N, C-alpha and C. Protein backbone atom coordinates (compact mmCIF):
# COMPACT_ATOMS: atom_id res chain seq x y z
N UNK A 1 65.10 28.19 44.57
CA UNK A 1 65.76 27.35 45.28
C UNK A 1 64.87 26.65 45.72
N UNK A 2 63.47 26.96 45.85
CA UNK A 2 63.02 25.90 47.06
C UNK A 2 61.99 24.79 45.93
N UNK A 3 61.80 25.60 44.43
CA UNK A 3 61.15 25.29 43.41
C UNK A 3 62.39 23.82 43.17
N UNK A 4 63.84 24.16 42.86
CA UNK A 4 64.61 22.67 42.73
C UNK A 4 65.08 22.07 43.44
N UNK A 5 64.57 22.45 44.75
CA UNK A 5 64.93 21.25 46.25
C UNK A 5 63.51 20.17 45.93
N UNK A 6 61.93 21.08 45.72
CA UNK A 6 61.01 20.30 45.90
C UNK A 6 61.33 19.05 44.90
N UNK A 7 61.35 19.44 43.39
CA UNK A 7 61.61 18.95 42.42
C UNK A 7 62.67 18.01 42.07
N UNK A 8 63.78 18.20 42.78
CA UNK A 8 64.83 17.13 43.51
C UNK A 8 65.08 16.78 43.88
N UNK A 9 64.11 16.55 44.83
CA UNK A 9 63.79 15.58 46.06
C UNK A 9 64.94 16.02 47.14
N UNK A 10 65.13 16.99 47.26
CA UNK A 10 66.02 17.47 48.49
C UNK A 10 67.20 18.28 48.22
N UNK A 11 67.72 18.53 47.08
CA UNK A 11 68.98 19.12 46.77
C UNK A 11 69.14 20.54 46.33
N UNK A 12 70.02 20.80 45.98
CA UNK A 12 70.24 22.34 46.66
C UNK A 12 70.60 22.83 45.09
N UNK A 13 70.54 23.55 44.19
CA UNK A 13 70.94 23.79 42.58
C UNK A 13 72.41 24.58 43.24
N UNK A 14 72.76 24.99 43.89
CA UNK A 14 74.57 25.77 44.68
C UNK A 14 75.40 25.19 45.42
N UNK A 15 74.80 23.79 45.59
CA UNK A 15 75.06 22.81 46.46
C UNK A 15 75.45 22.99 48.08
N UNK A 16 76.11 22.02 48.52
CA UNK A 16 76.22 21.54 50.22
C UNK A 16 77.19 22.59 50.97
N UNK A 17 76.80 22.78 52.19
CA UNK A 17 77.13 22.95 52.80
C UNK A 17 77.71 24.60 52.48
N UNK A 18 79.42 24.82 53.32
CA UNK A 18 80.28 25.95 52.61
C UNK A 18 80.51 26.86 51.25
N UNK A 19 80.23 25.71 50.85
CA UNK A 19 80.48 26.10 49.26
C UNK A 19 79.25 26.65 48.43
N UNK A 20 77.85 26.50 49.13
CA UNK A 20 76.67 27.22 49.08
C UNK A 20 76.37 28.10 48.74
N UNK A 21 77.06 29.25 49.35
CA UNK A 21 76.55 30.64 49.93
C UNK A 21 77.55 31.17 48.70
N UNK A 22 78.72 30.65 48.85
CA UNK A 22 80.25 31.41 47.74
C UNK A 22 79.45 31.25 46.04
N UNK A 23 78.65 29.53 45.37
CA UNK A 23 78.52 29.60 44.78
C UNK A 23 77.50 30.16 44.38
N UNK A 24 76.62 30.71 45.15
CA UNK A 24 75.38 31.89 45.01
C UNK A 24 75.89 33.26 44.47
N UNK A 25 76.59 33.46 45.25
CA UNK A 25 77.47 35.17 45.19
C UNK A 25 78.16 34.94 43.33
N UNK A 26 78.71 33.36 43.30
CA UNK A 26 79.12 33.48 41.96
C UNK A 26 78.31 32.88 41.04
N UNK A 27 77.24 32.73 41.10
CA UNK A 27 76.67 32.17 40.22
C UNK A 27 76.77 31.09 40.26
N UNK A 28 77.40 30.44 40.40
CA UNK A 28 77.51 29.16 39.74
C UNK A 28 76.59 27.95 40.43
N UNK A 29 75.97 27.01 39.73
CA UNK A 29 75.04 26.20 40.24
C UNK A 29 74.61 24.88 38.95
N UNK A 30 74.04 23.86 39.40
CA UNK A 30 74.16 22.73 38.56
C UNK A 30 72.74 21.86 39.21
N UNK A 31 72.12 22.24 37.90
CA UNK A 31 70.52 21.46 37.81
C UNK A 31 70.47 19.68 37.61
N UNK A 32 72.00 19.46 37.79
CA UNK A 32 72.13 17.77 37.81
C UNK A 32 70.74 17.23 38.21
N UNK A 33 70.03 16.98 39.01
CA UNK A 33 69.40 16.28 40.12
C UNK A 33 67.97 16.32 38.83
N UNK A 34 67.86 17.23 38.07
CA UNK A 34 66.47 17.63 37.39
C UNK A 34 66.36 16.90 35.88
N UNK A 35 65.83 15.81 35.67
CA UNK A 35 65.83 15.59 33.99
C UNK A 35 64.97 15.84 33.03
N UNK A 36 63.81 16.88 33.63
CA UNK A 36 62.91 17.45 32.72
C UNK A 36 63.26 19.07 31.93
N UNK A 37 63.98 18.95 30.68
CA UNK A 37 64.90 20.78 30.61
C UNK A 37 63.61 21.26 30.64
N UNK A 38 62.06 21.14 30.56
CA UNK A 38 60.99 22.69 30.38
C UNK A 38 61.75 23.33 32.39
N UNK A 39 61.46 21.85 33.28
CA UNK A 39 61.66 22.36 34.44
C UNK A 39 63.12 22.81 34.87
N UNK A 40 64.23 22.52 34.16
CA UNK A 40 65.45 23.09 34.04
C UNK A 40 65.50 24.46 33.67
N UNK A 41 64.96 24.88 32.93
CA UNK A 41 64.22 26.16 32.10
C UNK A 41 63.64 27.00 32.81
N UNK A 42 62.70 26.44 33.86
CA UNK A 42 62.35 27.32 34.44
C UNK A 42 62.55 28.07 35.65
N UNK A 43 63.67 26.79 36.33
CA UNK A 43 64.79 27.23 37.67
C UNK A 43 65.29 27.71 37.18
N UNK A 44 66.29 27.79 36.35
CA UNK A 44 67.25 28.49 35.52
C UNK A 44 66.71 30.12 35.59
N UNK A 45 65.29 30.30 35.23
CA UNK A 45 65.07 31.56 34.80
C UNK A 45 64.95 32.01 36.30
N UNK A 46 63.86 31.10 37.69
CA UNK A 46 64.00 32.04 38.58
C UNK A 46 65.41 32.20 39.50
N UNK A 47 66.37 31.46 39.01
CA UNK A 47 67.59 31.84 39.98
C UNK A 47 68.22 32.56 39.67
N UNK A 48 68.01 33.44 38.56
CA UNK A 48 68.52 34.56 37.14
C UNK A 48 69.72 35.13 38.28
N UNK A 49 71.13 35.58 37.65
CA UNK A 49 71.35 36.20 38.88
C UNK A 49 71.09 37.66 38.92
N UNK A 50 70.51 38.39 37.62
CA UNK A 50 70.58 39.76 37.56
C UNK A 50 68.62 39.40 37.63
N UNK A 51 68.81 40.12 39.45
CA UNK A 51 67.03 39.77 39.73
C UNK A 51 66.15 40.59 38.90
N UNK A 52 66.60 41.17 38.31
CA UNK A 52 65.25 41.91 36.98
C UNK A 52 64.94 40.71 36.43
N UNK A 53 65.87 40.05 36.36
CA UNK A 53 65.07 38.68 34.77
C UNK A 53 64.03 37.76 35.80
N UNK A 54 64.35 38.19 36.59
CA UNK A 54 63.84 37.07 37.48
C UNK A 54 62.42 37.22 36.94
N UNK A 55 61.57 35.96 36.59
CA UNK A 55 60.31 36.26 36.79
C UNK A 55 59.34 36.50 38.03
N UNK A 56 58.11 36.89 37.62
CA UNK A 56 57.19 37.78 39.01
C UNK A 56 56.50 36.32 39.14
N UNK A 57 55.41 36.41 39.90
CA UNK A 57 54.80 34.86 40.29
C UNK A 57 53.96 34.60 39.24
N UNK A 58 53.10 35.39 38.33
CA UNK A 58 52.46 35.54 37.44
C UNK A 58 53.06 34.81 35.75
N UNK A 59 54.48 35.42 36.01
CA UNK A 59 55.08 35.11 34.83
C UNK A 59 55.62 33.54 34.97
N UNK A 60 55.99 33.38 36.41
CA UNK A 60 56.63 31.43 36.53
C UNK A 60 55.03 30.38 36.53
N UNK A 61 54.51 31.00 37.06
CA UNK A 61 53.22 29.93 36.74
C UNK A 61 52.69 29.86 35.14
N UNK A 62 52.84 30.50 34.86
CA UNK A 62 52.36 30.40 32.82
C UNK A 62 54.07 29.83 32.20
N UNK A 63 54.71 29.82 32.57
CA UNK A 63 55.38 29.23 31.91
C UNK A 63 55.87 27.67 31.34
N UNK A 64 55.99 26.96 30.22
CA UNK A 64 55.49 25.64 30.06
C UNK A 64 55.21 24.83 30.59
N UNK A 65 56.33 25.03 31.63
CA UNK A 65 56.58 23.71 32.93
C UNK A 65 55.08 23.20 33.45
N UNK A 66 54.10 23.99 34.06
CA UNK A 66 53.11 24.19 33.99
C UNK A 66 51.88 24.07 33.46
N UNK A 67 52.23 24.12 31.57
CA UNK A 67 51.07 23.90 31.03
C UNK A 67 50.56 22.53 30.63
N UNK A 68 49.22 22.51 30.12
CA UNK A 68 48.97 21.15 29.90
C UNK A 68 49.02 20.13 28.95
N UNK A 69 48.87 18.86 29.08
CA UNK A 69 49.50 18.24 27.96
C UNK A 69 49.21 19.01 26.29
N UNK A 70 47.07 19.52 26.30
CA UNK A 70 46.21 19.77 25.52
C UNK A 70 47.55 21.21 24.66
N UNK A 71 48.01 22.33 25.98
CA UNK A 71 48.59 23.38 25.40
C UNK A 71 49.99 23.36 24.71
N UNK A 72 50.74 21.91 25.60
CA UNK A 72 51.77 21.88 25.11
C UNK A 72 51.96 20.94 23.65
N UNK A 73 50.73 20.53 22.94
CA UNK A 73 50.42 20.23 21.49
C UNK A 73 49.96 21.38 20.64
N UNK A 74 49.76 22.29 21.18
CA UNK A 74 49.37 23.41 20.62
C UNK A 74 50.74 24.09 20.28
N UNK A 75 51.69 23.81 20.86
CA UNK A 75 52.92 24.55 20.99
C UNK A 75 53.61 24.22 19.53
N UNK A 76 54.02 23.11 19.94
CA UNK A 76 54.35 21.59 19.13
C UNK A 76 53.35 22.39 17.50
N UNK A 77 51.89 22.14 17.61
CA UNK A 77 51.28 22.80 16.22
C UNK A 77 51.84 23.84 15.73
N UNK A 78 52.30 24.60 16.69
CA UNK A 78 52.38 26.62 16.44
C UNK A 78 53.73 26.38 15.34
N UNK A 79 54.92 25.33 16.54
CA UNK A 79 56.10 25.32 15.97
C UNK A 79 56.13 24.12 14.39
N UNK A 80 55.50 23.79 14.27
CA UNK A 80 55.25 23.23 12.72
C UNK A 80 54.88 24.41 12.09
N UNK A 81 54.40 25.98 12.05
CA UNK A 81 54.75 26.80 11.64
C UNK A 81 55.49 27.76 11.42
N UNK A 82 56.66 27.48 11.74
CA UNK A 82 57.39 28.41 11.74
C UNK A 82 58.19 27.59 10.82
N UNK A 83 59.19 28.93 9.74
CA UNK A 83 59.29 29.05 8.48
C UNK A 83 60.98 28.03 8.31
N UNK A 84 61.40 27.41 9.60
CA UNK A 84 62.44 26.81 8.85
C UNK A 84 62.24 25.52 8.81
N UNK A 85 60.87 25.48 10.29
CA UNK A 85 60.07 24.00 9.71
C UNK A 85 59.48 23.43 8.91
N UNK A 86 58.53 25.03 7.88
CA UNK A 86 57.88 24.49 6.61
C UNK A 86 58.74 24.10 5.69
N UNK A 87 60.42 24.86 5.95
CA UNK A 87 60.80 24.07 4.75
C UNK A 87 61.69 22.63 4.99
N UNK A 88 61.25 21.87 5.58
CA UNK A 88 61.22 20.56 6.08
C UNK A 88 61.93 19.70 5.54
N UNK A 89 61.46 19.87 3.52
CA UNK A 89 62.35 19.35 2.63
C UNK A 89 63.66 19.66 2.47
N UNK A 90 64.53 20.98 2.79
CA UNK A 90 65.47 21.28 2.25
C UNK A 90 65.58 22.09 3.38
N UNK A 91 66.05 21.31 4.80
CA UNK A 91 67.05 22.52 5.36
C UNK A 91 67.99 22.79 5.33
N UNK A 92 68.40 23.98 6.64
CA UNK A 92 69.75 24.29 6.28
C UNK A 92 70.73 23.36 6.73
N UNK A 93 72.31 22.96 6.02
CA UNK A 93 72.64 21.61 6.43
C UNK A 93 73.25 21.98 8.23
N UNK A 94 73.22 23.26 8.64
CA UNK A 94 73.93 23.04 9.77
C UNK A 94 72.20 23.40 10.78
N UNK A 95 71.34 23.60 10.59
CA UNK A 95 70.06 23.29 11.11
C UNK A 95 69.52 21.73 11.16
N UNK A 96 69.69 21.21 10.33
CA UNK A 96 70.05 19.30 9.84
C UNK A 96 70.52 18.92 10.70
N UNK A 97 72.06 19.07 10.76
CA UNK A 97 72.91 19.10 11.30
C UNK A 97 72.96 19.11 13.28
N UNK A 98 72.26 20.29 13.87
CA UNK A 98 71.81 20.53 15.14
C UNK A 98 70.30 19.80 15.45
N UNK A 99 69.70 19.05 14.71
CA UNK A 99 69.12 18.31 15.00
C UNK A 99 68.95 16.46 15.03
N UNK A 100 69.99 16.62 14.03
CA UNK A 100 70.41 14.97 14.38
C UNK A 100 71.28 14.61 15.86
N UNK A 101 71.36 15.91 16.42
CA UNK A 101 72.49 16.00 17.28
C UNK A 101 71.38 15.72 18.50
N UNK A 102 70.94 16.85 18.67
CA UNK A 102 69.50 16.75 19.37
C UNK A 102 68.78 15.73 20.01
N UNK A 103 68.38 15.26 18.86
CA UNK A 103 67.67 13.65 18.94
C UNK A 103 67.97 12.29 18.96
N UNK A 104 69.05 12.54 18.89
CA UNK A 104 69.88 11.17 19.67
C UNK A 104 69.34 10.46 20.73
N UNK A 105 68.82 9.26 20.45
CA UNK A 105 68.78 8.40 21.61
C UNK A 105 67.34 9.08 22.07
N UNK A 106 66.50 9.93 21.58
CA UNK A 106 65.19 10.32 22.05
C UNK A 106 64.06 9.62 21.80
N UNK A 107 63.17 9.80 22.17
CA UNK A 107 61.78 9.26 22.06
C UNK A 107 60.94 9.36 21.03
N UNK A 108 61.74 10.57 20.06
CA UNK A 108 60.97 10.87 19.00
C UNK A 108 61.49 10.44 17.63
N UNK A 109 63.45 9.79 17.65
CA UNK A 109 63.09 9.33 17.03
C UNK A 109 62.89 8.45 16.06
N UNK A 110 62.97 7.96 15.28
CA UNK A 110 62.31 7.30 14.19
C UNK A 110 60.99 7.17 14.61
N UNK A 111 60.12 8.32 14.86
CA UNK A 111 59.04 8.59 14.98
C UNK A 111 57.73 8.05 13.90
N UNK A 112 58.34 8.05 12.66
CA UNK A 112 56.92 6.96 12.46
C UNK A 112 56.65 5.76 12.96
N UNK A 113 57.27 4.92 13.25
CA UNK A 113 57.13 4.21 13.90
C UNK A 113 56.65 3.51 15.01
N UNK A 114 56.40 4.81 15.59
CA UNK A 114 55.66 4.78 16.83
C UNK A 114 54.11 5.41 17.20
N UNK A 115 53.89 6.02 15.42
CA UNK A 115 52.68 6.65 15.60
C UNK A 115 51.72 5.62 14.50
N UNK A 116 50.28 5.80 14.95
CA UNK A 116 49.28 4.85 14.31
C UNK A 116 50.12 4.38 12.65
N UNK A 117 49.92 3.02 11.83
CA UNK A 117 50.32 3.15 10.42
C UNK A 117 49.46 3.70 9.93
N UNK A 118 48.28 3.62 9.91
CA UNK A 118 47.37 4.28 8.93
C UNK A 118 47.58 5.41 9.42
N UNK A 119 47.25 6.26 10.16
CA UNK A 119 47.61 7.60 10.31
C UNK A 119 48.44 8.00 9.87
N UNK A 120 49.69 7.34 10.11
CA UNK A 120 50.88 8.09 9.68
C UNK A 120 51.21 7.57 7.53
N UNK A 121 50.44 6.78 7.53
CA UNK A 121 50.20 6.42 6.02
C UNK A 121 48.93 7.82 5.44
N UNK A 122 47.85 8.23 6.44
CA UNK A 122 47.12 8.81 5.73
C UNK A 122 47.59 10.03 5.30
N UNK A 123 48.23 10.62 6.05
CA UNK A 123 48.83 11.94 5.99
C UNK A 123 50.25 12.19 5.20
N UNK A 124 51.08 11.55 5.27
CA UNK A 124 52.52 11.06 4.42
C UNK A 124 51.85 11.39 3.09
N UNK A 125 50.72 10.55 2.67
CA UNK A 125 50.50 9.90 1.46
C UNK A 125 50.29 11.34 0.49
N UNK A 126 50.05 12.28 1.09
CA UNK A 126 49.21 13.29 0.49
C UNK A 126 50.39 13.16 -0.48
N UNK A 127 51.42 14.05 -0.15
CA UNK A 127 52.57 14.68 -0.75
C UNK A 127 54.01 14.26 -0.49
N UNK A 128 55.04 14.37 -0.79
CA UNK A 128 56.32 13.46 -0.99
C UNK A 128 56.28 13.16 0.64
N UNK A 129 56.89 12.19 1.12
CA UNK A 129 57.01 11.59 2.59
C UNK A 129 57.84 12.35 3.53
N UNK A 130 57.32 12.61 4.99
CA UNK A 130 57.92 13.56 5.45
C UNK A 130 59.46 12.52 6.37
N UNK A 131 60.06 13.65 6.56
CA UNK A 131 61.37 13.35 6.86
C UNK A 131 61.24 12.87 8.38
N UNK A 132 61.87 11.91 8.40
CA UNK A 132 61.97 10.89 10.64
C UNK A 132 63.19 12.18 10.96
N UNK A 133 62.91 13.27 11.04
CA UNK A 133 63.49 13.76 12.25
C UNK A 133 62.98 14.95 12.94
N UNK A 134 63.45 15.85 13.33
CA UNK A 134 62.13 16.95 14.10
C UNK A 134 61.00 17.26 13.09
N UNK A 135 61.89 18.18 12.53
CA UNK A 135 61.26 19.30 11.26
C UNK A 135 60.40 18.22 10.95
N UNK A 136 60.79 17.63 9.96
CA UNK A 136 59.55 16.47 9.72
C UNK A 136 57.99 15.87 10.38
N UNK A 137 58.76 15.86 11.81
CA UNK A 137 57.46 15.46 12.92
C UNK A 137 56.83 16.64 13.56
N UNK A 138 57.43 17.44 13.48
CA UNK A 138 56.87 18.87 13.36
C UNK A 138 55.61 19.58 12.71
N UNK A 139 56.20 19.72 11.30
CA UNK A 139 55.43 19.11 10.26
C UNK A 139 53.93 18.65 10.10
N UNK A 140 54.59 16.86 10.52
CA UNK A 140 53.31 16.27 10.69
C UNK A 140 52.49 16.59 11.87
N UNK A 141 52.62 17.00 12.52
CA UNK A 141 52.38 17.04 13.49
C UNK A 141 51.12 18.34 13.26
N UNK A 142 51.07 19.55 13.07
CA UNK A 142 50.81 20.70 12.49
C UNK A 142 49.71 20.04 11.70
N UNK A 143 49.89 19.22 10.62
CA UNK A 143 48.63 18.89 9.43
C UNK A 143 48.11 18.05 9.74
N UNK A 144 48.42 17.10 10.81
CA UNK A 144 47.85 16.09 11.24
C UNK A 144 46.35 17.20 12.27
N UNK A 145 46.96 17.80 12.78
CA UNK A 145 46.37 18.39 13.76
C UNK A 145 45.33 19.87 13.03
N UNK A 146 45.97 20.32 12.09
CA UNK A 146 44.86 20.98 11.34
C UNK A 146 44.42 20.36 10.26
N UNK A 147 44.48 19.33 9.70
CA UNK A 147 43.85 18.60 8.68
C UNK A 147 43.19 17.37 8.97
N UNK A 148 43.10 16.54 10.16
CA UNK A 148 42.73 15.20 10.03
C UNK A 148 42.91 15.67 11.68
N UNK A 149 41.93 16.10 12.00
CA UNK A 149 41.39 16.13 13.47
C UNK A 149 41.15 15.15 13.91
N UNK A 150 39.55 14.39 13.15
CA UNK A 150 39.24 13.40 14.50
C UNK A 150 40.26 12.22 14.65
N UNK A 151 41.88 12.24 13.16
CA UNK A 151 42.38 10.87 13.56
C UNK A 151 43.29 11.73 14.70
N UNK A 152 43.89 12.68 14.87
CA UNK A 152 44.76 13.57 15.86
C UNK A 152 44.53 12.96 17.31
N UNK A 153 42.89 12.98 17.57
CA UNK A 153 42.33 12.91 18.99
C UNK A 153 42.45 11.40 19.16
N UNK A 154 42.95 10.11 18.05
CA UNK A 154 43.43 8.73 19.03
C UNK A 154 44.90 9.00 18.96
N UNK A 155 45.32 10.16 18.89
CA UNK A 155 46.75 10.18 19.37
C UNK A 155 46.99 10.90 20.84
N UNK A 156 48.11 10.49 21.39
CA UNK A 156 48.07 11.05 22.90
C UNK A 156 50.13 11.35 22.23
N UNK A 157 49.96 12.19 21.73
CA UNK A 157 51.64 12.69 21.61
C UNK A 157 52.94 12.97 23.25
N UNK A 158 51.96 13.42 23.78
CA UNK A 158 52.70 13.42 25.50
C UNK A 158 52.86 12.27 25.72
N UNK A 159 52.21 10.91 25.32
CA UNK A 159 52.62 9.49 25.87
C UNK A 159 53.79 9.10 25.48
N UNK A 160 53.20 8.97 23.54
CA UNK A 160 54.15 8.28 22.72
C UNK A 160 55.55 8.87 22.80
N UNK A 161 55.83 10.21 22.92
CA UNK A 161 56.51 10.53 23.15
C UNK A 161 56.94 11.26 23.58
N UNK A 162 57.31 11.18 25.17
CA UNK A 162 57.65 11.64 26.16
C UNK A 162 58.80 12.99 26.43
N UNK A 163 59.83 12.87 26.03
CA UNK A 163 60.00 14.18 25.53
C UNK A 163 60.45 14.66 24.91
N UNK A 164 59.63 14.37 23.87
CA UNK A 164 59.22 15.58 22.83
C UNK A 164 59.39 16.90 22.80
N UNK A 165 57.84 17.65 23.91
CA UNK A 165 57.96 18.19 24.32
C UNK A 165 59.11 19.76 24.97
N UNK A 166 59.58 18.95 25.34
CA UNK A 166 61.20 19.38 25.97
C UNK A 166 61.95 19.88 25.52
N UNK A 167 62.18 18.46 24.81
CA UNK A 167 63.30 18.82 23.77
C UNK A 167 63.13 20.16 22.62
N UNK A 168 61.68 20.32 22.08
CA UNK A 168 61.34 20.78 21.21
C UNK A 168 61.48 22.24 21.50
N UNK A 169 60.91 22.33 23.41
CA UNK A 169 60.67 23.86 23.67
C UNK A 169 62.33 24.43 23.81
N UNK A 170 63.47 23.51 24.14
CA UNK A 170 64.84 24.27 24.33
C UNK A 170 65.36 24.31 23.24
N UNK A 171 65.08 23.49 22.10
CA UNK A 171 65.41 23.59 20.81
C UNK A 171 65.35 24.99 19.96
N UNK A 172 64.11 25.14 20.23
CA UNK A 172 62.99 26.50 20.22
C UNK A 172 63.58 27.51 20.20
N UNK A 173 63.62 27.29 21.28
CA UNK A 173 64.53 28.68 22.65
C UNK A 173 66.07 29.09 22.49
N UNK A 174 66.55 28.00 21.69
CA UNK A 174 68.00 28.27 21.65
C UNK A 174 68.07 28.45 19.97
N UNK A 175 66.99 28.41 19.26
CA UNK A 175 67.30 28.51 17.73
C UNK A 175 66.34 30.11 17.59
N UNK A 176 65.70 30.87 18.54
CA UNK A 176 65.26 32.13 18.79
C UNK A 176 63.88 31.74 18.07
N UNK A 177 63.27 30.76 17.18
CA UNK A 177 62.39 30.18 16.81
C UNK A 177 61.07 31.29 18.10
N UNK A 178 60.87 30.92 19.52
CA UNK A 178 59.97 31.28 20.27
C UNK A 178 60.01 32.98 20.11
N UNK A 179 61.11 33.47 19.48
CA UNK A 179 60.61 35.17 19.45
C UNK A 179 60.56 35.47 17.95
N UNK A 180 59.67 34.71 17.54
CA UNK A 180 59.18 35.13 16.18
C UNK A 180 58.13 35.52 16.44
N UNK A 181 57.29 36.54 15.41
CA UNK A 181 56.44 37.53 15.79
C UNK A 181 54.81 36.36 16.27
N UNK A 182 54.87 35.58 15.41
CA UNK A 182 53.13 34.56 15.51
C UNK A 182 54.12 33.94 17.18
N UNK A 183 54.88 32.88 17.25
CA UNK A 183 55.55 32.89 18.33
C UNK A 183 54.90 33.69 19.51
N UNK A 184 55.91 34.37 20.17
CA UNK A 184 56.30 35.05 20.55
C UNK A 184 54.56 36.27 21.42
N UNK A 185 53.89 36.17 20.29
CA UNK A 185 52.33 36.45 20.39
C UNK A 185 51.25 35.34 20.86
N UNK A 186 51.68 34.59 20.30
CA UNK A 186 51.11 33.11 20.92
C UNK A 186 51.56 32.93 22.42
N UNK A 187 52.36 33.27 22.71
CA UNK A 187 53.21 32.65 24.00
C UNK A 187 52.87 33.92 25.46
N UNK A 188 52.66 35.26 24.59
CA UNK A 188 51.98 35.79 25.86
C UNK A 188 50.82 36.19 25.86
N UNK A 189 50.20 35.24 25.46
CA UNK A 189 48.14 35.43 25.13
C UNK A 189 48.07 33.82 26.29
N UNK A 190 49.08 32.67 25.99
CA UNK A 190 48.47 32.06 27.05
C UNK A 190 48.44 32.43 27.90
N UNK A 191 47.24 31.80 28.86
CA UNK A 191 46.81 32.10 30.08
C UNK A 191 47.35 31.49 31.40
N UNK A 192 47.72 32.11 32.47
CA UNK A 192 47.86 31.55 33.47
C UNK A 192 46.99 30.61 34.03
N UNK A 193 47.75 30.00 35.14
CA UNK A 193 46.71 28.81 35.94
C UNK A 193 45.94 29.75 36.38
């Protein structure tokens, strides 16, 4: 609750006044004063109704909310290797629809227009062009960092797409991608600050 209070600049996740205590007992909360999906994920984990499911201090500090931009980009690269992302040219219709809904109005929609044209052309020109959806962008990021590291250093993904990491993390969590063996192993190996 203290983390939410600080991040929301003085709000309480369970409300104000007399209803606050009953909301705590009922597990009714609102994170409406937070825009950052990763911060919301952390707070939800910390206020979980089941005390046993709440993180220990070390676990909370290892949460993606506290990751550096470099670690966040590394995570996006790892997402580029998820099986569903590898099949970005022929995705499942339901997955494609979910991605379209999630990406509406986000900074990473029409992502090719926001990256340097010469880099897009260089990476895109090797085979079939990447689609301008989240799957295409994740695979593009993976290949950019894997095969064009010098060009990748010229791009600050977190500045160009400030909402990409949070949305990708949330989407991957909902889809169960973070539970795949390679990502689960990598997430466990992420050092605590």
